[in-house]
PDB file of all heavy atoms in Angstrom:
ATOM      1  N   GLU A   1     -29.419  13.056  46.925  1.00  0.00           N
ATOM      2  CA  GLU A   1     -28.915  12.949  48.267  1.00  0.00           C
ATOM      3  C   GLU A   1     -29.955  12.300  49.174  1.00  0.00           C
ATOM      4  O   GLU A   1     -31.165  12.456  48.986  1.00  0.00           O
ATOM      5  CB  GLU A   1     -28.519  14.268  48.875  1.00  0.00           C
ATOM      6  CG  GLU A   1     -27.462  15.081  48.070  1.00  0.00           C
ATOM      7  CD  GLU A   1     -28.061  16.106  47.177  1.00  0.00           C
ATOM      8  OE1 GLU A   1     -29.226  15.918  46.775  1.00  0.00           O
ATOM      9  OE2 GLU A   1     -27.393  17.112  46.859  1.00  0.00           O
ATOM     10  N   SER A   2     -29.482  11.681  50.233  1.00  0.00           N
ATOM     11  CA  SER A   2     -30.358  11.144  51.291  1.00  0.00           C
ATOM     12  C   SER A   2     -29.582  11.048  52.593  1.00  0.00           C
ATOM     13  O   SER A   2     -28.351  11.165  52.561  1.00  0.00           O
ATOM     14  CB  SER A   2     -30.919   9.764  50.860  1.00  0.00           C
ATOM     15  OG  SER A   2     -29.860   8.820  50.685  1.00  0.00           O
ATOM     16  N   GLY A   3     -30.272  10.790  53.673  1.00  0.00           N
ATOM     17  CA  GLY A   3     -29.646  10.586  54.962  1.00  0.00           C
ATOM     18  C   GLY A   3     -29.674  11.740  55.917  1.00  0.00           C
ATOM     19  O   GLY A   3     -29.236  11.613  57.065  1.00  0.00           O
ATOM     20  N   GLY A   4     -30.185  12.876  55.486  1.00  0.00           N
ATOM     21  CA  GLY A   4     -30.249  14.021  56.380  1.00  0.00           C
ATOM     22  C   GLY A   4     -31.289  13.793  57.457  1.00  0.00           C
ATOM     23  O   GLY A   4     -32.069  12.829  57.422  1.00  0.00           O
ATOM     24  N   GLY A   5     -31.321  14.697  58.410  1.00  0.00           N
ATOM     25  CA  GLY A   5     -32.346  14.589  59.492  1.00  0.00           C
ATOM     26  C   GLY A   5     -31.943  15.465  60.670  1.00  0.00           C
ATOM     27  O   GLY A   5     -31.085  16.309  60.579  1.00  0.00           O
ATOM     28  N   LEU A   6     -32.654  15.177  61.754  1.00  0.00           N
ATOM     29  CA  LEU A   6     -32.430  15.910  63.016  1.00  0.00           C
ATOM     30  C   LEU A   6     -31.601  15.057  63.937  1.00  0.00           C
ATOM     31  O   LEU A   6     -31.940  13.868  64.163  1.00  0.00           O
ATOM     32  CB  LEU A   6     -33.761  16.241  63.675  1.00  0.00           C
ATOM     33  CG  LEU A   6     -33.764  16.883  65.063  1.00  0.00           C
ATOM     34  CD1 LEU A   6     -33.096  18.264  64.965  1.00  0.00           C
ATOM     35  CD2 LEU A   6     -35.183  16.989  65.595  1.00  0.00           C
ATOM     36  N   VAL A   7     -30.548  15.632  64.503  1.00  0.00           N
ATOM     37  CA  VAL A   7     -29.672  14.886  65.384  1.00  0.00           C
ATOM     38  C   VAL A   7     -29.230  15.820  66.513  1.00  0.00           C
ATOM     39  O   VAL A   7     -29.107  17.020  66.329  1.00  0.00           O
ATOM     40  CB  VAL A   7     -28.475  14.331  64.620  1.00  0.00           C
ATOM     41  CG1 VAL A   7     -27.595  15.414  64.034  1.00  0.00           C
ATOM     42  CG2 VAL A   7     -27.636  13.401  65.439  1.00  0.00           C
ATOM     43  N   GLN A   8     -28.961  15.242  67.663  1.00  0.00           N
ATOM     44  CA  GLN A   8     -28.454  16.036  68.777  1.00  0.00           C
ATOM     45  C   GLN A   8     -26.998  16.373  68.622  1.00  0.00           C
ATOM     46  O   GLN A   8     -26.253  15.588  67.960  1.00  0.00           O
ATOM     47  CB  GLN A   8     -28.687  15.323  70.090  1.00  0.00           C
ATOM     48  CG  GLN A   8     -30.140  15.248  70.521  1.00  0.00           C
ATOM     49  CD  GLN A   8     -30.269  14.708  71.943  1.00  0.00           C
ATOM     50  OE1 GLN A   8     -29.439  13.914  72.409  1.00  0.00           O
ATOM     51  NE2 GLN A   8     -31.320  15.092  72.641  1.00  0.00           N
ATOM     52  N   ALA A   9     -26.567  17.458  69.184  1.00  0.00           N
ATOM     53  CA  ALA A   9     -25.160  17.818  69.165  1.00  0.00           C
ATOM     54  C   ALA A   9     -24.318  16.644  69.731  1.00  0.00           C
ATOM     55  O   ALA A   9     -24.694  16.022  70.720  1.00  0.00           O
ATOM     56  CB  ALA A   9     -24.910  19.082  69.951  1.00  0.00           C
ATOM     57  N   GLY A  10     -23.207  16.352  69.045  1.00  0.00           N
ATOM     58  CA  GLY A  10     -22.369  15.233  69.424  1.00  0.00           C
ATOM     59  C   GLY A  10     -22.716  13.959  68.731  1.00  0.00           C
ATOM     60  O   GLY A  10     -21.951  12.963  68.806  1.00  0.00           O
ATOM     61  N   GLY A  11     -23.819  13.935  68.034  1.00  0.00           N
ATOM     62  CA  GLY A  11     -24.242  12.758  67.315  1.00  0.00           C
ATOM     63  C   GLY A  11     -23.634  12.605  65.941  1.00  0.00           C
ATOM     64  O   GLY A  11     -22.755  13.361  65.545  1.00  0.00           O
ATOM     65  N   SER A  12     -24.137  11.599  65.218  1.00  0.00           N
ATOM     66  CA  SER A  12     -23.572  11.263  63.920  1.00  0.00           C
ATOM     67  C   SER A  12     -24.686  11.098  62.858  1.00  0.00           C
ATOM     68  O   SER A  12     -25.798  10.730  63.199  1.00  0.00           O
ATOM     69  CB  SER A  12     -22.758   9.955  63.980  1.00  0.00           C
ATOM     70  OG  SER A  12     -21.707  10.085  64.881  1.00  0.00           O
ATOM     71  N   LEU A  13     -24.319  11.342  61.626  1.00  0.00           N
ATOM     72  CA  LEU A  13     -25.176  11.086  60.501  1.00  0.00           C
ATOM     73  C   LEU A  13     -24.289  10.636  59.335  1.00  0.00           C
ATOM     74  O   LEU A  13     -23.129  11.002  59.233  1.00  0.00           O
ATOM     75  CB  LEU A  13     -25.957  12.306  60.075  1.00  0.00           C
ATOM     76  CG  LEU A  13     -27.220  12.730  60.804  1.00  0.00           C
ATOM     77  CD1 LEU A  13     -27.777  14.025  60.275  1.00  0.00           C
ATOM     78  CD2 LEU A  13     -28.283  11.613  60.754  1.00  0.00           C
ATOM     79  N   ARG A  14     -24.928   9.894  58.416  1.00  0.00           N
ATOM     80  CA  ARG A  14     -24.256   9.470  57.199  1.00  0.00           C
ATOM     81  C   ARG A  14     -25.100   9.864  56.027  1.00  0.00           C
ATOM     82  O   ARG A  14     -26.218   9.364  55.842  1.00  0.00           O
ATOM     83  CB  ARG A  14     -24.036   7.959  57.158  1.00  0.00           C
ATOM     84  CG  ARG A  14     -23.150   7.474  56.031  1.00  0.00           C
ATOM     85  CD  ARG A  14     -23.215   5.980  55.891  1.00  0.00           C
ATOM     86  NE  ARG A  14     -22.114   5.440  55.081  1.00  0.00           N
ATOM     87  CZ  ARG A  14     -22.174   4.298  54.457  1.00  0.00           C
ATOM     88  NH1 ARG A  14     -23.275   3.543  54.500  1.00  0.00           N
ATOM     89  NH2 ARG A  14     -21.132   3.838  53.762  1.00  0.00           N
ATOM     90  N   LEU A  15     -24.570  10.771  55.220  1.00  0.00           N
ATOM     91  CA  LEU A  15     -25.247  11.172  54.005  1.00  0.00           C
ATOM     92  C   LEU A  15     -24.793  10.337  52.861  1.00  0.00           C
ATOM     93  O   LEU A  15     -23.657   9.931  52.746  1.00  0.00           O
ATOM     94  CB  LEU A  15     -24.964  12.665  53.709  1.00  0.00           C
ATOM     95  CG  LEU A  15     -25.276  13.678  54.793  1.00  0.00           C
ATOM     96  CD1 LEU A  15     -24.986  15.090  54.308  1.00  0.00           C
ATOM     97  CD2 LEU A  15     -26.679  13.541  55.338  1.00  0.00           C
ATOM     98  N   SER A  16     -25.718  10.110  51.928  1.00  0.00           N
ATOM     99  CA  SER A  16     -25.427   9.390  50.696  1.00  0.00           C
ATOM    100  C   SER A  16     -25.844  10.221  49.522  1.00  0.00           C
ATOM    101  O   SER A  16     -26.814  10.987  49.573  1.00  0.00           O
ATOM    102  CB  SER A  16     -26.154   8.047  50.667  1.00  0.00           C
ATOM    103  OG  SER A  16     -25.811   7.206  51.727  1.00  0.00           O
ATOM    104  N   CYS A  17     -25.170  10.027  48.425  1.00  0.00           N
ATOM    105  CA  CYS A  17     -25.501  10.691  47.155  1.00  0.00           C
ATOM    106  C   CYS A  17     -25.371   9.654  46.032  1.00  0.00           C
ATOM    107  O   CYS A  17     -24.290   9.185  45.742  1.00  0.00           O
ATOM    108  CB  CYS A  17     -24.603  11.868  46.955  1.00  0.00           C
ATOM    109  SG  CYS A  17     -24.830  12.634  45.319  1.00  0.00           S
ATOM    110  N   ALA A  18     -26.497   9.295  45.452  1.00  0.00           N
ATOM    111  CA  ALA A  18     -26.528   8.298  44.363  1.00  0.00           C
ATOM    112  C   ALA A  18     -26.491   9.026  43.040  1.00  0.00           C
ATOM    113  O   ALA A  18     -27.293   9.942  42.812  1.00  0.00           O
ATOM    114  CB  ALA A  18     -27.774   7.449  44.487  1.00  0.00           C
ATOM    115  N   ALA A  19     -25.594   8.603  42.189  1.00  0.00           N
ATOM    116  CA  ALA A  19     -25.456   9.222  40.864  1.00  0.00           C
ATOM    117  C   ALA A  19     -25.939   8.292  39.760  1.00  0.00           C
ATOM    118  O   ALA A  19     -25.898   7.056  39.878  1.00  0.00           O
ATOM    119  CB  ALA A  19     -23.979   9.555  40.627  1.00  0.00           C
ATOM    120  N   SER A  20     -26.415   8.930  38.669  1.00  0.00           N
ATOM    121  CA  SER A  20     -26.876   8.169  37.515  1.00  0.00           C
ATOM    122  C   SER A  20     -26.684   9.014  36.288  1.00  0.00           C
ATOM    123  O   SER A  20     -26.512  10.225  36.388  1.00  0.00           O
ATOM    124  CB  SER A  20     -28.304   7.725  37.646  1.00  0.00           C
ATOM    125  OG  SER A  20     -29.174   8.827  37.733  1.00  0.00           O
ATOM    126  N   GLY A  21     -26.678   8.360  35.135  1.00  0.00           N
ATOM    127  CA  GLY A  21     -26.656   9.079  33.861  1.00  0.00           C
ATOM    128  C   GLY A  21     -25.354   9.062  33.115  1.00  0.00           C
ATOM    129  O   GLY A  21     -25.351   9.046  31.890  1.00  0.00           O
ATOM    130  N   ARG A  22     -24.261   9.109  33.839  1.00  0.00           N
ATOM    131  CA  ARG A  22     -22.935   9.052  33.181  1.00  0.00           C
ATOM    132  C   ARG A  22     -22.030   8.124  34.012  1.00  0.00           C
ATOM    133  O   ARG A  22     -22.426   7.665  35.089  1.00  0.00           O
ATOM    134  CB  ARG A  22     -22.308  10.440  33.122  1.00  0.00           C
ATOM    135  CG  ARG A  22     -23.034  11.413  32.204  1.00  0.00           C
ATOM    136  CD  ARG A  22     -22.599  11.248  30.753  1.00  0.00           C
ATOM    137  NE  ARG A  22     -23.318  12.148  29.839  1.00  0.00           N
ATOM    138  CZ  ARG A  22     -22.847  13.358  29.511  1.00  0.00           C
ATOM    139  NH1 ARG A  22     -21.749  13.810  30.031  1.00  0.00           N
ATOM    140  NH2 ARG A  22     -23.564  14.127  28.711  1.00  0.00           N
ATOM    141  N   THR A  23     -20.827   7.858  33.522  1.00  0.00           N
ATOM    142  CA  THR A  23     -19.910   7.002  34.216  1.00  0.00           C
ATOM    143  C   THR A  23     -19.427   7.701  35.486  1.00  0.00           C
ATOM    144  O   THR A  23     -18.687   8.691  35.419  1.00  0.00           O
ATOM    145  CB  THR A  23     -18.723   6.594  33.341  1.00  0.00           C
ATOM    146  OG1 THR A  23     -19.211   5.992  32.154  1.00  0.00           O
ATOM    147  CG2 THR A  23     -17.792   5.663  34.060  1.00  0.00           C
ATOM    148  N   PHE A  24     -19.819   7.155  36.631  1.00  0.00           N
ATOM    149  CA  PHE A  24     -19.567   7.829  37.883  1.00  0.00           C
ATOM    150  C   PHE A  24     -18.090   8.041  38.153  1.00  0.00           C
ATOM    151  O   PHE A  24     -17.672   9.070  38.663  1.00  0.00           O
ATOM    152  CB  PHE A  24     -20.195   6.985  39.044  1.00  0.00           C
ATOM    153  CG  PHE A  24     -20.035   7.542  40.395  1.00  0.00           C
ATOM    154  CD1 PHE A  24     -20.667   8.682  40.804  1.00  0.00           C
ATOM    155  CD2 PHE A  24     -19.232   6.901  41.333  1.00  0.00           C
ATOM    156  CE1 PHE A  24     -20.500   9.199  42.050  1.00  0.00           C
ATOM    157  CE2 PHE A  24     -19.076   7.366  42.590  1.00  0.00           C
ATOM    158  CZ  PHE A  24     -19.724   8.522  42.975  1.00  0.00           C
ATOM    159  N   SER A  25     -17.276   7.058  37.793  1.00  0.00           N
ATOM    160  CA  SER A  25     -15.861   7.108  38.076  1.00  0.00           C
ATOM    161  C   SER A  25     -15.129   8.187  37.260  1.00  0.00           C
ATOM    162  O   SER A  25     -13.925   8.369  37.451  1.00  0.00           O
ATOM    163  CB  SER A  25     -15.210   5.744  37.857  1.00  0.00           C
ATOM    164  OG  SER A  25     -15.423   5.292  36.546  1.00  0.00           O
ATOM    165  N   ASN A  26     -15.792   8.816  36.351  1.00  0.00           N
ATOM    166  CA  ASN A  26     -15.170   9.918  35.593  1.00  0.00           C
ATOM    167  C   ASN A  26     -15.248  11.255  36.306  1.00  0.00           C
ATOM    168  O   ASN A  26     -14.686  12.230  35.824  1.00  0.00           O
ATOM    169  CB  ASN A  26     -15.869  10.108  34.223  1.00  0.00           C
ATOM    170  CG  ASN A  26     -15.472   8.990  33.223  1.00  0.00           C
ATOM    171  OD1 ASN A  26     -14.475   8.281  33.439  1.00  0.00           O
ATOM    172  ND2 ASN A  26     -16.216   8.865  32.187  1.00  0.00           N
ATOM    173  N   TYR A  27     -15.907  11.265  37.461  1.00  0.00           N
ATOM    174  CA  TYR A  27     -16.180  12.542  38.141  1.00  0.00           C
ATOM    175  C   TYR A  27     -15.599  12.599  39.526  1.00  0.00           C
ATOM    176  O   TYR A  27     -15.779  11.651  40.342  1.00  0.00           O
ATOM    177  CB  TYR A  27     -17.672  12.797  38.179  1.00  0.00           C
ATOM    178  CG  TYR A  27     -18.314  12.948  36.846  1.00  0.00           C
ATOM    179  CD1 TYR A  27     -18.716  11.865  36.093  1.00  0.00           C
ATOM    180  CD2 TYR A  27     -18.440  14.203  36.269  1.00  0.00           C
ATOM    181  CE1 TYR A  27     -19.255  12.017  34.812  1.00  0.00           C
ATOM    182  CE2 TYR A  27     -19.010  14.365  35.013  1.00  0.00           C
ATOM    183  CZ  TYR A  27     -19.390  13.261  34.307  1.00  0.00           C
ATOM    184  OH  TYR A  27     -19.914  13.423  33.038  1.00  0.00           O
ATOM    185  N   ALA A  28     -14.898  13.706  39.816  1.00  0.00           N
ATOM    186  CA  ALA A  28     -14.607  14.002  41.208  1.00  0.00           C
ATOM    187  C   ALA A  28     -15.915  14.425  41.872  1.00  0.00           C
ATOM    188  O   ALA A  28     -16.801  15.018  41.179  1.00  0.00           O
ATOM    189  CB  ALA A  28     -13.590  15.138  41.299  1.00  0.00           C
ATOM    190  N   MET A  29     -16.046  14.149  43.122  1.00  0.00           N
ATOM    191  CA  MET A  29     -17.258  14.451  43.844  1.00  0.00           C
ATOM    192  C   MET A  29     -16.998  15.291  45.073  1.00  0.00           C
ATOM    193  O   MET A  29     -15.862  15.275  45.633  1.00  0.00           O
ATOM    194  CB  MET A  29     -17.942  13.127  44.322  1.00  0.00           C
ATOM    195  CG  MET A  29     -18.282  12.165  43.200  1.00  0.00           C
ATOM    196  SD  MET A  29     -19.528  12.861  42.044  1.00  0.00           S
ATOM    197  CE  MET A  29     -20.936  13.019  43.166  1.00  0.00           C
ATOM    198  N   ALA A  30     -17.983  16.041  45.439  1.00  0.00           N
ATOM    199  CA  ALA A  30     -17.819  16.917  46.617  1.00  0.00           C
ATOM    200  C   ALA A  30     -19.139  17.099  47.373  1.00  0.00           C
ATOM    201  O   ALA A  30     -20.213  16.894  46.758  1.00  0.00           O
ATOM    202  CB  ALA A  30     -17.275  18.263  46.211  1.00  0.00           C
ATOM    203  N   TRP A  31     -19.034  17.454  48.602  1.00  0.00           N
ATOM    204  CA  TRP A  31     -20.175  17.938  49.367  1.00  0.00           C
ATOM    205  C   TRP A  31     -19.986  19.398  49.721  1.00  0.00           C
ATOM    206  O   TRP A  31     -18.910  19.822  50.113  1.00  0.00           O
ATOM    207  CB  TRP A  31     -20.271  17.114  50.699  1.00  0.00           C
ATOM    208  CG  TRP A  31     -20.713  15.699  50.497  1.00  0.00           C
ATOM    209  CD1 TRP A  31     -19.904  14.582  50.332  1.00  0.00           C
ATOM    210  CD2 TRP A  31     -22.044  15.217  50.413  1.00  0.00           C
ATOM    211  NE1 TRP A  31     -20.657  13.458  50.193  1.00  0.00           N
ATOM    212  CE2 TRP A  31     -22.026  13.818  50.256  1.00  0.00           C
ATOM    213  CE3 TRP A  31     -23.304  15.840  50.516  1.00  0.00           C
ATOM    214  CZ2 TRP A  31     -23.157  13.009  50.124  1.00  0.00           C
ATOM    215  CZ3 TRP A  31     -24.458  15.037  50.443  1.00  0.00           C
ATOM    216  CH2 TRP A  31     -24.369  13.633  50.213  1.00  0.00           C
ATOM    217  N   PHE A  32     -21.068  20.139  49.559  1.00  0.00           N
ATOM    218  CA  PHE A  32     -21.168  21.521  49.946  1.00  0.00           C
ATOM    219  C   PHE A  32     -22.332  21.669  50.916  1.00  0.00           C
ATOM    220  O   PHE A  32     -23.165  20.781  51.003  1.00  0.00           O
ATOM    221  CB  PHE A  32     -21.373  22.436  48.735  1.00  0.00           C
ATOM    222  CG  PHE A  32     -20.214  22.551  47.824  1.00  0.00           C
ATOM    223  CD1 PHE A  32     -19.888  21.546  46.941  1.00  0.00           C
ATOM    224  CD2 PHE A  32     -19.432  23.694  47.815  1.00  0.00           C
ATOM    225  CE1 PHE A  32     -18.785  21.687  46.085  1.00  0.00           C
ATOM    226  CE2 PHE A  32     -18.362  23.836  46.981  1.00  0.00           C
ATOM    227  CZ  PHE A  32     -18.044  22.841  46.106  1.00  0.00           C
ATOM    228  N   ARG A  33     -22.375  22.764  51.612  1.00  0.00           N
ATOM    229  CA  ARG A  33     -23.527  23.031  52.466  1.00  0.00           C
ATOM    230  C   ARG A  33     -23.869  24.502  52.470  1.00  0.00           C
ATOM    231  O   ARG A  33     -23.008  25.383  52.183  1.00  0.00           O
ATOM    232  CB  ARG A  33     -23.238  22.555  53.925  1.00  0.00           C
ATOM    233  CG  ARG A  33     -22.155  23.334  54.638  1.00  0.00           C
ATOM    234  CD  ARG A  33     -21.865  22.681  56.010  1.00  0.00           C
ATOM    235  NE  ARG A  33     -20.857  23.389  56.743  1.00  0.00           N
ATOM    236  CZ  ARG A  33     -20.321  23.004  57.861  1.00  0.00           C
ATOM    237  NH1 ARG A  33     -20.735  21.868  58.427  1.00  0.00           N
ATOM    238  NH2 ARG A  33     -19.407  23.731  58.493  1.00  0.00           N
ATOM    239  N   GLN A  34     -25.083  24.769  52.763  1.00  0.00           N
ATOM    240  CA  GLN A  34     -25.566  26.185  52.824  1.00  0.00           C
ATOM    241  C   GLN A  34     -26.552  26.337  53.952  1.00  0.00           C
ATOM    242  O   GLN A  34     -27.576  25.695  53.975  1.00  0.00           O
ATOM    243  CB  GLN A  34     -26.209  26.557  51.494  1.00  0.00           C
ATOM    244  CG  GLN A  34     -26.568  28.032  51.405  1.00  0.00           C
ATOM    245  CD  GLN A  34     -26.915  28.468  50.010  1.00  0.00           C
ATOM    246  OE1 GLN A  34     -27.154  27.657  49.097  1.00  0.00           O
ATOM    247  NE2 GLN A  34     -26.838  29.778  49.763  1.00  0.00           N
TER     248      GLN A  34
END
């Protein structure tokens, strides 16, 4: 993952997640948070 950071309320961010190792299109993808 990349793209995280500090942002003010009301602002925007774009997270990215780069995959490797297997055929990416074979997998459903999701974002979780903790």
